[in-house]
PDB file of N, CA and C in Angstrom:
ATOM      1  N   MET A   1       0.817  -1.195   0.000  1.00  0.00           N
ATOM      2  CA  MET A   1       0.000   0.000   0.000  1.00  0.00           C
ATOM      3  C   MET A   1       0.860   1.258   0.000  1.00  0.00           C
ATOM      4  N   THR A   2       2.062   1.140   0.549  1.00  0.00           N
ATOM      5  CA  THR A   2       2.952   2.289   0.604  1.00  0.00           C
ATOM      6  C   THR A   2       3.345   2.742  -0.797  1.00  0.00           C
ATOM      7  N   ILE A   3       3.505   1.810  -1.716  1.00  0.00           N
ATOM      8  CA  ILE A   3       3.876   2.158  -3.092  1.00  0.00           C
ATOM      9  C   ILE A   3       2.780   2.979  -3.744  1.00  0.00           C
ATOM     10  N   VAL A   4       1.528   2.676  -3.447  1.00  0.00           N
ATOM     11  CA  VAL A   4       0.419   3.449  -4.007  1.00  0.00           C
ATOM     12  C   VAL A   4       0.501   4.883  -3.524  1.00  0.00           C
ATOM     13  N   TYR A   5       0.769   5.067  -2.233  1.00  0.00           N
ATOM     14  CA  TYR A   5       0.909   6.415  -1.693  1.00  0.00           C
ATOM     15  C   TYR A   5       2.097   7.131  -2.304  1.00  0.00           C
ATOM     16  N   LEU A   6       3.188   6.395  -2.512  1.00  0.00           N
ATOM     17  CA  LEU A   6       4.378   6.975  -3.132  1.00  0.00           C
ATOM     18  C   LEU A   6       4.069   7.430  -4.557  1.00  0.00           C
ATOM     19  N   LEU A   7       3.385   6.599  -5.325  1.00  0.00           N
ATOM     20  CA  LEU A   7       3.032   6.974  -6.695  1.00  0.00           C
ATOM     21  C   LEU A   7       2.102   8.175  -6.737  1.00  0.00           C
ATOM     22  N   ILE A   8       1.149   8.223  -5.827  1.00  0.00           N
ATOM     23  CA  ILE A   8       0.242   9.375  -5.765  1.00  0.00           C
ATOM     24  C   ILE A   8       1.009  10.632  -5.403  1.00  0.00           C
ATOM     25  N   ALA A   9       1.898  10.539  -4.419  1.00  0.00           N
ATOM     26  CA  ALA A   9       2.669  11.701  -3.995  1.00  0.00           C
ATOM     27  C   ALA A   9       3.593  12.186  -5.111  1.00  0.00           C
ATOM     28  N   MET A  10       4.247  11.270  -5.816  1.00  0.00           N
ATOM     29  CA  MET A  10       5.152  11.666  -6.896  1.00  0.00           C
ATOM     30  C   MET A  10       4.381  12.240  -8.085  1.00  0.00           C
ATOM     31  N   THR A  11       3.154  11.761  -8.316  1.00  0.00           N
ATOM     32  CA  THR A  11       2.317  12.339  -9.359  1.00  0.00           C
ATOM     33  C   THR A  11       1.953  13.775  -9.012  1.00  0.00           C
ATOM     34  N   VAL A  12       1.596  14.007  -7.760  1.00  0.00           N
ATOM     35  CA  VAL A  12       1.266  15.367  -7.322  1.00  0.00           C
ATOM     36  C   VAL A  12       2.493  16.272  -7.431  1.00  0.00           C
ATOM     37  N   VAL A  13       3.643  15.775  -7.015  1.00  0.00           N
ATOM     38  CA  VAL A  13       4.885  16.562  -7.126  1.00  0.00           C
ATOM     39  C   VAL A  13       5.160  16.901  -8.585  1.00  0.00           C
ATOM     40  N   GLY A  14       5.004  15.928  -9.479  1.00  0.00           N
ATOM     41  CA  GLY A  14       5.216  16.173 -10.898  1.00  0.00           C
ATOM     42  C   GLY A  14       4.248  17.192 -11.468  1.00  0.00           C
ATOM     43  N   LEU A  15       3.007  17.130 -11.047  1.00  0.00           N
ATOM     44  CA  LEU A  15       2.019  18.108 -11.508  1.00  0.00           C
ATOM     45  C   LEU A  15       2.348  19.513 -11.019  1.00  0.00           C
ATOM     46  N   ILE A  16       2.818  19.621  -9.803  1.00  0.00           N
ATOM     47  CA  ILE A  16       3.209  20.930  -9.269  1.00  0.00           C
ATOM     48  C   ILE A  16       4.408  21.480 -10.033  1.00  0.00           C
ATOM     49  N   VAL A  17       5.399  20.634 -10.279  1.00  0.00           N
ATOM     50  CA  VAL A  17       6.579  21.076 -11.034  1.00  0.00           C
ATOM     51  C   VAL A  17       6.185  21.441 -12.464  1.00  0.00           C
ATOM     52  N   GLY A  18       5.295  20.668 -13.079  1.00  0.00           N
ATOM     53  CA  GLY A  18       4.828  20.991 -14.424  1.00  0.00           C
ATOM     54  C   GLY A  18       4.111  22.325 -14.470  1.00  0.00           C
ATOM     55  N   ALA A  19       3.353  22.625 -13.429  1.00  0.00           N
ATOM     56  CA  ALA A  19       2.670  23.919 -13.367  1.00  0.00           C
ATOM     57  C   ALA A  19       3.664  25.060 -13.152  1.00  0.00           C
ATOM     58  N   LEU A  20       4.690  24.805 -12.360  1.00  0.00           N
ATOM     59  CA  LEU A  20       5.695  25.833 -12.103  1.00  0.00           C
ATOM     60  C   LEU A  20       6.599  26.094 -13.302  1.00  0.00           C
ATOM     61  N   ALA A  21       6.619  25.182 -14.257  1.00  0.00           N
ATOM     62  CA  ALA A  21       7.476  25.357 -15.432  1.00  0.00           C
ATOM     63  C   ALA A  21       7.098  26.614 -16.207  1.00  0.00           C
ATOM     64  N   GLY A  22       5.829  26.911 -16.291  1.00  0.00           N
ATOM     65  CA  GLY A  22       5.390  28.125 -16.973  1.00  0.00           C
ATOM     66  C   GLY A  22       5.838  29.381 -16.264  1.00  0.00           C
ATOM     67  N   VAL A  23       5.879  29.334 -14.948  1.00  0.00           N
ATOM     68  CA  VAL A  23       6.339  30.488 -14.170  1.00  0.00           C
ATOM     69  C   VAL A  23       7.853  30.634 -14.273  1.00  0.00           C
ATOM     70  N   ILE A  24       8.552  29.520 -14.212  1.00  0.00           N
ATOM     71  CA  ILE A  24      10.014  29.559 -14.235  1.00  0.00           C
ATOM     72  C   ILE A  24      10.524  30.006 -15.593  1.00  0.00           C
ATOM     73  N   TRP A  25       9.948  29.466 -16.673  1.00  0.00           N
ATOM     74  CA  TRP A  25      10.424  29.802 -18.010  1.00  0.00           C
ATOM     75  C   TRP A  25       9.615  30.921 -18.638  1.00  0.00           C
ATOM     76  N   LYS A  26       8.816  31.624 -17.879  1.00  0.00           N
ATOM     77  CA  LYS A  26       8.077  32.818 -18.276  1.00  0.00           C
ATOM     78  C   LYS A  26       7.339  32.683 -19.613  1.00  0.00           C
ATOM     79  N   GLY A  27       6.492  31.696 -19.692  1.00  0.00           N
ATOM     80  CA  GLY A  27       5.643  31.528 -20.863  1.00  0.00           C
ATOM     81  C   GLY A  27       6.230  30.656 -21.951  1.00  0.00           C
ATOM     82  N   GLU A  28       7.536  30.518 -22.034  1.00  0.00           N
ATOM     83  CA  GLU A  28       8.158  29.642 -23.031  1.00  0.00           C
ATOM     84  C   GLU A  28       8.425  28.293 -22.392  1.00  0.00           C
ATOM     85  N   ARG A  29       7.420  27.482 -22.336  1.00  0.00           N
ATOM     86  CA  ARG A  29       7.559  26.167 -21.707  1.00  0.00           C
ATOM     87  C   ARG A  29       8.471  25.283 -22.544  1.00  0.00           C
ATOM     88  N   PRO A  30       9.269  24.439 -21.904  1.00  0.00           N
ATOM     89  CA  PRO A  30      10.202  23.580 -22.642  1.00  0.00           C
ATOM     90  C   PRO A  30       9.536  22.632 -23.634  1.00  0.00           C
ATOM     91  N   VAL A  31       8.395  22.034 -23.276  1.00  0.00           N
ATOM     92  CA  VAL A  31       7.762  21.047 -24.146  1.00  0.00           C
ATOM     93  C   VAL A  31       6.324  21.435 -24.476  1.00  0.00           C
ATOM     94  N   GLY A  32       5.819  22.510 -23.937  1.00  0.00           N
ATOM     95  CA  GLY A  32       4.417  22.875 -24.074  1.00  0.00           C
ATOM     96  C   GLY A  32       3.674  22.457 -22.815  1.00  0.00           C
ATOM     97  N   VAL A  33       2.479  22.919 -22.667  1.00  0.00           N
ATOM     98  CA  VAL A  33       1.737  22.687 -21.426  1.00  0.00           C
ATOM     99  C   VAL A  33       1.545  21.201 -21.119  1.00  0.00           C
ATOM    100  N   PRO A  34       0.947  20.412 -22.014  1.00  0.00           N
ATOM    101  CA  PRO A  34       0.772  18.995 -21.646  1.00  0.00           C
ATOM    102  C   PRO A  34       2.095  18.249 -21.559  1.00  0.00           C
ATOM    103  N   GLY A  35       3.042  18.610 -22.399  1.00  0.00           N
ATOM    104  CA  GLY A  35       4.343  17.941 -22.380  1.00  0.00           C
ATOM    105  C   GLY A  35       5.101  18.176 -21.095  1.00  0.00           C
ATOM    106  N   ASP A  36       5.024  19.402 -20.576  1.00  0.00           N
ATOM    107  CA  ASP A  36       5.693  19.699 -19.311  1.00  0.00           C
ATOM    108  C   ASP A  36       5.130  18.860 -18.181  1.00  0.00           C
ATOM    109  N   TYR A  37       3.826  18.740 -18.135  1.00  0.00           N
ATOM    110  CA  TYR A  37       3.207  17.924 -17.098  1.00  0.00           C
ATOM    111  C   TYR A  37       3.619  16.458 -17.220  1.00  0.00           C
ATOM    112  N   ILE A  38       3.605  15.940 -18.446  1.00  0.00           N
ATOM    113  CA  ILE A  38       3.947  14.536 -18.652  1.00  0.00           C
ATOM    114  C   ILE A  38       5.400  14.268 -18.289  1.00  0.00           C
ATOM    115  N   VAL A  39       6.301  15.126 -18.747  1.00  0.00           N
ATOM    116  CA  VAL A  39       7.722  14.942 -18.468  1.00  0.00           C
ATOM    117  C   VAL A  39       7.996  15.066 -16.976  1.00  0.00           C
ATOM    118  N   ALA A  40       7.399  16.052 -16.316  1.00  0.00           N
ATOM    119  CA  ALA A  40       7.634  16.260 -14.886  1.00  0.00           C
ATOM    120  C   ALA A  40       7.086  15.098 -14.057  1.00  0.00           C
ATOM    121  N   VAL A  41       5.913  14.612 -14.392  1.00  0.00           N
ATOM    122  CA  VAL A  41       5.338  13.479 -13.653  1.00  0.00           C
ATOM    123  C   VAL A  41       6.177  12.226 -13.869  1.00  0.00           C
ATOM    124  N   ALA A  42       6.597  11.966 -15.105  1.00  0.00           N
ATOM    125  CA  ALA A  42       7.408  10.777 -15.382  1.00  0.00           C
ATOM    126  C   ALA A  42       8.752  10.850 -14.655  1.00  0.00           C
ATOM    127  N   ALA A  43       9.380  12.016 -14.678  1.00  0.00           N
ATOM    128  CA  ALA A  43      10.669  12.163 -13.994  1.00  0.00           C
ATOM    129  C   ALA A  43      10.512  12.021 -12.483  1.00  0.00           C
ATOM    130  N   ALA A  44       9.463  12.590 -11.918  1.00  0.00           N
ATOM    131  CA  ALA A  44       9.250  12.501 -10.474  1.00  0.00           C
ATOM    132  C   ALA A  44       8.952  11.062 -10.044  1.00  0.00           C
ATOM    133  N   ILE A  45       8.125  10.356 -10.807  1.00  0.00           N
ATOM    134  CA  ILE A  45       7.802   8.966 -10.450  1.00  0.00           C
ATOM    135  C   ILE A  45       9.041   8.083 -10.569  1.00  0.00           C
ATOM    136  N   ALA A  46       9.783   8.233 -11.651  1.00  0.00           N
ATOM    137  CA  ALA A  46      10.981   7.408 -11.833  1.00  0.00           C
ATOM    138  C   ALA A  46      11.999   7.666 -10.730  1.00  0.00           C
ATOM    139  N   THR A  47      12.218   8.915 -10.397  1.00  0.00           N
ATOM    140  CA  THR A  47      13.187   9.251  -9.356  1.00  0.00           C
ATOM    141  C   THR A  47      12.704   8.787  -7.987  1.00  0.00           C
ATOM    142  N   GLY A  48      11.420   8.972  -7.705  1.00  0.00           N
ATOM    143  CA  GLY A  48      10.876   8.523  -6.426  1.00  0.00           C
ATOM    144  C   GLY A  48      11.003   7.021  -6.234  1.00  0.00           C
ATOM    145  N   LEU A  49      10.700   6.262  -7.282  1.00  0.00           N
ATOM    146  CA  LEU A  49      10.818   4.809  -7.186  1.00  0.00           C
ATOM    147  C   LEU A  49      12.272   4.372  -7.058  1.00  0.00           C
ATOM    148  N   LEU A  50      13.158   5.013  -7.806  1.00  0.00           N
ATOM    149  CA  LEU A  50      14.580   4.690  -7.676  1.00  0.00           C
ATOM    150  C   LEU A  50      15.074   4.966  -6.258  1.00  0.00           C
ATOM    151  N   ASP A  51      14.706   6.118  -5.727  1.00  0.00           N
ATOM    152  CA  ASP A  51      15.119   6.450  -4.355  1.00  0.00           C
ATOM    153  C   ASP A  51      14.547   5.456  -3.356  1.00  0.00           C
ATOM    154  N   TRP A  52      13.311   5.061  -3.556  1.00  0.00           N
ATOM    155  CA  TRP A  52      12.635   4.172  -2.617  1.00  0.00           C
ATOM    156  C   TRP A  52      13.325   2.816  -2.524  1.00  0.00           C
ATOM    157  N   TYR A  53      13.814   2.319  -3.667  1.00  0.00           N
ATOM    158  CA  TYR A  53      14.413   0.989  -3.687  1.00  0.00           C
ATOM    159  C   TYR A  53      15.940   0.997  -3.631  1.00  0.00           C
ATOM    160  N   VAL A  54      16.591   1.974  -4.233  1.00  0.00           N
ATOM    161  CA  VAL A  54      18.049   1.962  -4.337  1.00  0.00           C
ATOM    162  C   VAL A  54      18.725   2.439  -3.056  1.00  0.00           C
ATOM    163  N   ILE A  55      18.198   3.464  -2.420  1.00  0.00           N
ATOM    164  CA  ILE A  55      18.845   3.989  -1.207  1.00  0.00           C
ATOM    165  C   ILE A  55      18.934   2.925  -0.115  1.00  0.00           C
ATOM    166  N   PRO A  56      17.871   2.167   0.193  1.00  0.00           N
ATOM    167  CA  PRO A  56      18.030   1.086   1.187  1.00  0.00           C
ATOM    168  C   PRO A  56      18.957  -0.031   0.703  1.00  0.00           C
ATOM    169  N   ALA A  57      18.969  -0.304  -0.604  1.00  0.00           N
ATOM    170  CA  ALA A  57      19.840  -1.350  -1.128  1.00  0.00           C
ATOM    171  C   ALA A  57      21.312  -0.970  -0.995  1.00  0.00           C
ATOM    172  N   MET A  58      21.588   0.324  -0.928  1.00  0.00           N
ATOM    173  CA  MET A  58      22.960   0.793  -0.754  1.00  0.00           C
ATOM    174  C   MET A  58      23.392   0.761   0.706  1.00  0.00           C
ATOM    175  N   GLY A  59      22.471   0.441   1.594  1.00  0.00           N
ATOM    176  CA  GLY A  59      22.807   0.312   2.999  1.00  0.00           C
ATOM    177  C   GLY A  59      22.452   1.513   3.849  1.00  0.00           C
ATOM    178  N   PHE A  60      21.810   2.500   3.279  1.00  0.00           N
ATOM    179  CA  PHE A  60      21.400   3.670   4.047  1.00  0.00           C
ATOM    180  C   PHE A  60      20.084   3.387   4.760  1.00  0.00           C
ATOM    181  N   GLY A  61      19.818   4.124   5.808  1.00  0.00           N
ATOM    182  CA  GLY A  61      18.631   3.895   6.620  1.00  0.00           C
ATOM    183  C   GLY A  61      17.387   4.547   6.050  1.00  0.00           C
ATOM    184  N   ASP A  62      16.299   4.386   6.800  1.00  0.00           N
ATOM    185  CA  ASP A  62      15.009   4.935   6.378  1.00  0.00           C
ATOM    186  C   ASP A  62      15.007   6.460   6.332  1.00  0.00           C
ATOM    187  N   THR A  63      15.782   7.090   7.192  1.00  0.00           N
ATOM    188  CA  THR A  63      15.823   8.558   7.193  1.00  0.00           C
ATOM    189  C   THR A  63      16.329   9.074   5.851  1.00  0.00           C
ATOM    190  N   TRP A  64      17.390   8.473   5.333  1.00  0.00           N
ATOM    191  CA  TRP A  64      17.937   8.892   4.053  1.00  0.00           C
ATOM    192  C   TRP A  64      16.985   8.561   2.910  1.00  0.00           C
ATOM    193  N   LYS A  65      16.269   7.445   3.044  1.00  0.00           N
ATOM    194  CA  LYS A  65      15.302   7.075   2.015  1.00  0.00           C
ATOM    195  C   LYS A  65      14.195   8.124   1.931  1.00  0.00           C
ATOM    196  N   TRP A  66      13.636   8.489   3.064  1.00  0.00           N
ATOM    197  CA  TRP A  66      12.556   9.472   3.074  1.00  0.00           C
ATOM    198  C   TRP A  66      13.045  10.851   2.646  1.00  0.00           C
ATOM    199  N   LEU A  67      14.254  11.185   3.034  1.00  0.00           N
ATOM    200  CA  LEU A  67      14.824  12.470   2.631  1.00  0.00           C
ATOM    201  C   LEU A  67      15.027  12.510   1.118  1.00  0.00           C
ATOM    202  N   GLY A  68      15.544  11.406   0.559  1.00  0.00           N
ATOM    203  CA  GLY A  68      15.721  11.335  -0.892  1.00  0.00           C
ATOM    204  C   GLY A  68      14.412  11.386  -1.643  1.00  0.00           C
ATOM    205  N   VAL A  69      13.416  10.682  -1.151  1.00  0.00           N
ATOM    206  CA  VAL A  69      12.107  10.670  -1.807  1.00  0.00           C
ATOM    207  C   VAL A  69      11.442  12.039  -1.715  1.00  0.00           C
ATOM    208  N   ALA A  70      11.697  12.781  -0.669  1.00  0.00           N
ATOM    209  CA  ALA A  70      11.068  14.091  -0.496  1.00  0.00           C
ATOM    210  C   ALA A  70      11.751  15.180  -1.314  1.00  0.00           C
ATOM    211  N   LEU A  71      13.067  15.133  -1.429  1.00  0.00           N
ATOM    212  CA  LEU A  71      13.794  16.240  -2.045  1.00  0.00           C
ATOM    213  C   LEU A  71      14.187  16.014  -3.498  1.00  0.00           C
ATOM    214  N   GLU A  72      14.557  14.819  -3.846  1.00  0.00           N
ATOM    215  CA  GLU A  72      15.141  14.592  -5.162  1.00  0.00           C
ATOM    216  C   GLU A  72      14.156  14.630  -6.334  1.00  0.00           C
ATOM    217  N   PRO A  73      12.960  14.068  -6.260  1.00  0.00           N
ATOM    218  CA  PRO A  73      12.066  14.074  -7.435  1.00  0.00           C
ATOM    219  C   PRO A  73      11.725  15.461  -7.989  1.00  0.00           C
ATOM    220  N   PRO A  74      11.401  16.457  -7.163  1.00  0.00           N
ATOM    221  CA  PRO A  74      11.125  17.767  -7.784  1.00  0.00           C
ATOM    222  C   PRO A  74      12.369  18.374  -8.421  1.00  0.00           C
ATOM    223  N   LEU A  75      13.527  18.159  -7.819  1.00  0.00           N
ATOM    224  CA  LEU A  75      14.757  18.700  -8.391  1.00  0.00           C
ATOM    225  C   LEU A  75      15.093  18.016  -9.717  1.00  0.00           C
ATOM    226  N   VAL A  76      14.925  16.712  -9.775  1.00  0.00           N
ATOM    227  CA  VAL A  76      15.206  15.986 -11.017  1.00  0.00           C
ATOM    228  C   VAL A  76      14.198  16.377 -12.101  1.00  0.00           C
ATOM    229  N   ALA A  77      12.938  16.551 -11.745  1.00  0.00           N
ATOM    230  CA  ALA A  77      11.927  16.956 -12.733  1.00  0.00           C
ATOM    231  C   ALA A  77      12.267  18.333 -13.309  1.00  0.00           C
ATOM    232  N   LEU A  78      12.665  19.264 -12.453  1.00  0.00           N
ATOM    233  CA  LEU A  78      13.074  20.582 -12.946  1.00  0.00           C
ATOM    234  C   LEU A  78      14.323  20.484 -13.808  1.00  0.00           C
ATOM    235  N   PHE A  79      15.264  19.647 -13.418  1.00  0.00           N
ATOM    236  CA  PHE A  79      16.494  19.473 -14.183  1.00  0.00           C
ATOM    237  C   PHE A  79      16.204  18.889 -15.565  1.00  0.00           C
ATOM    238  N   VAL A  80      15.319  17.914 -15.635  1.00  0.00           N
ATOM    239  CA  VAL A  80      14.967  17.314 -16.924  1.00  0.00           C
ATOM    240  C   VAL A  80      14.293  18.345 -17.823  1.00  0.00           C
ATOM    241  N   LEU A  81      13.392  19.147 -17.268  1.00  0.00           N
ATOM    242  CA  LEU A  81      12.756  20.198 -18.065  1.00  0.00           C
ATOM    243  C   LEU A  81      13.781  21.231 -18.529  1.00  0.00           C
ATOM    244  N   TRP A  82      14.738  21.552 -17.675  1.00  0.00           N
ATOM    245  CA  TRP A  82      15.795  22.494 -18.050  1.00  0.00           C
ATOM    246  C   TRP A  82      16.647  21.919 -19.176  1.00  0.00           C
ATOM    247  N   LEU A  83      16.986  20.625 -19.076  1.00  0.00           N
ATOM    248  CA  LEU A  83      17.767  19.976 -20.137  1.00  0.00           C
ATOM    249  C   LEU A  83      17.022  20.000 -21.470  1.00  0.00           C
ATOM    250  N   ILE A  84      15.726  19.759 -21.432  1.00  0.00           N
ATOM    251  CA  ILE A  84      14.927  19.787 -22.660  1.00  0.00           C
ATOM    252  C   ILE A  84      14.912  21.200 -23.232  1.00  0.00           C
ATOM    253  N   ALA A  85      14.765  22.202 -22.373  1.00  0.00           N
ATOM    254  CA  ALA A  85      14.762  23.587 -22.838  1.00  0.00           C
ATOM    255  C   ALA A  85      16.105  23.953 -23.473  1.00  0.00           C
ATOM    256  N   LYS A  86      17.208  23.527 -22.872  1.00  0.00           N
ATOM    257  CA  LYS A  86      18.531  23.813 -23.422  1.00  0.00           C
ATOM    258  C   LYS A  86      18.754  23.061 -24.729  1.00  0.00           C
ATOM    259  N   ALA A  87      18.268  21.840 -24.823  1.00  0.00           N
ATOM    260  CA  ALA A  87      18.446  21.048 -26.035  1.00  0.00           C
ATOM    261  C   ALA A  87      17.650  21.626 -27.209  1.00  0.00           C
ATOM    262  N   ARG A  88      16.543  22.269 -26.913  1.00  0.00           N
ATOM    263  CA  ARG A  88      15.718  22.847 -27.977  1.00  0.00           C
ATOM    264  C   ARG A  88      16.287  24.142 -28.510  1.00  0.00           C
ATOM    265  N   GLN A  89      17.189  24.768 -27.785  1.00  0.00           N
ATOM    266  CA  GLN A  89      17.760  26.052 -28.233  1.00  0.00           C
ATOM    267  C   GLN A  89      18.815  25.866 -29.282  1.00  0.00           C
TER     268      GLN A  89
END
């Protein structure tokens, strides 16, 4: 059941980052409105799942797992959108 909550949380994080993309890039969205949402949600879910499974497998405790799941997905989603924006220029 925890994975369901994780997926829901990462989807919400991705949607928030996708919405913020228009504010950050001041109207010139990297992929367009629906594309930004899709890319941000996919990046957040992938990063959240990787953090959830890889951090404990590396021997780190639950504190580091939760910290990684909380901080890394929005940063990676923004980074991926930034990379797409730079690649399109």
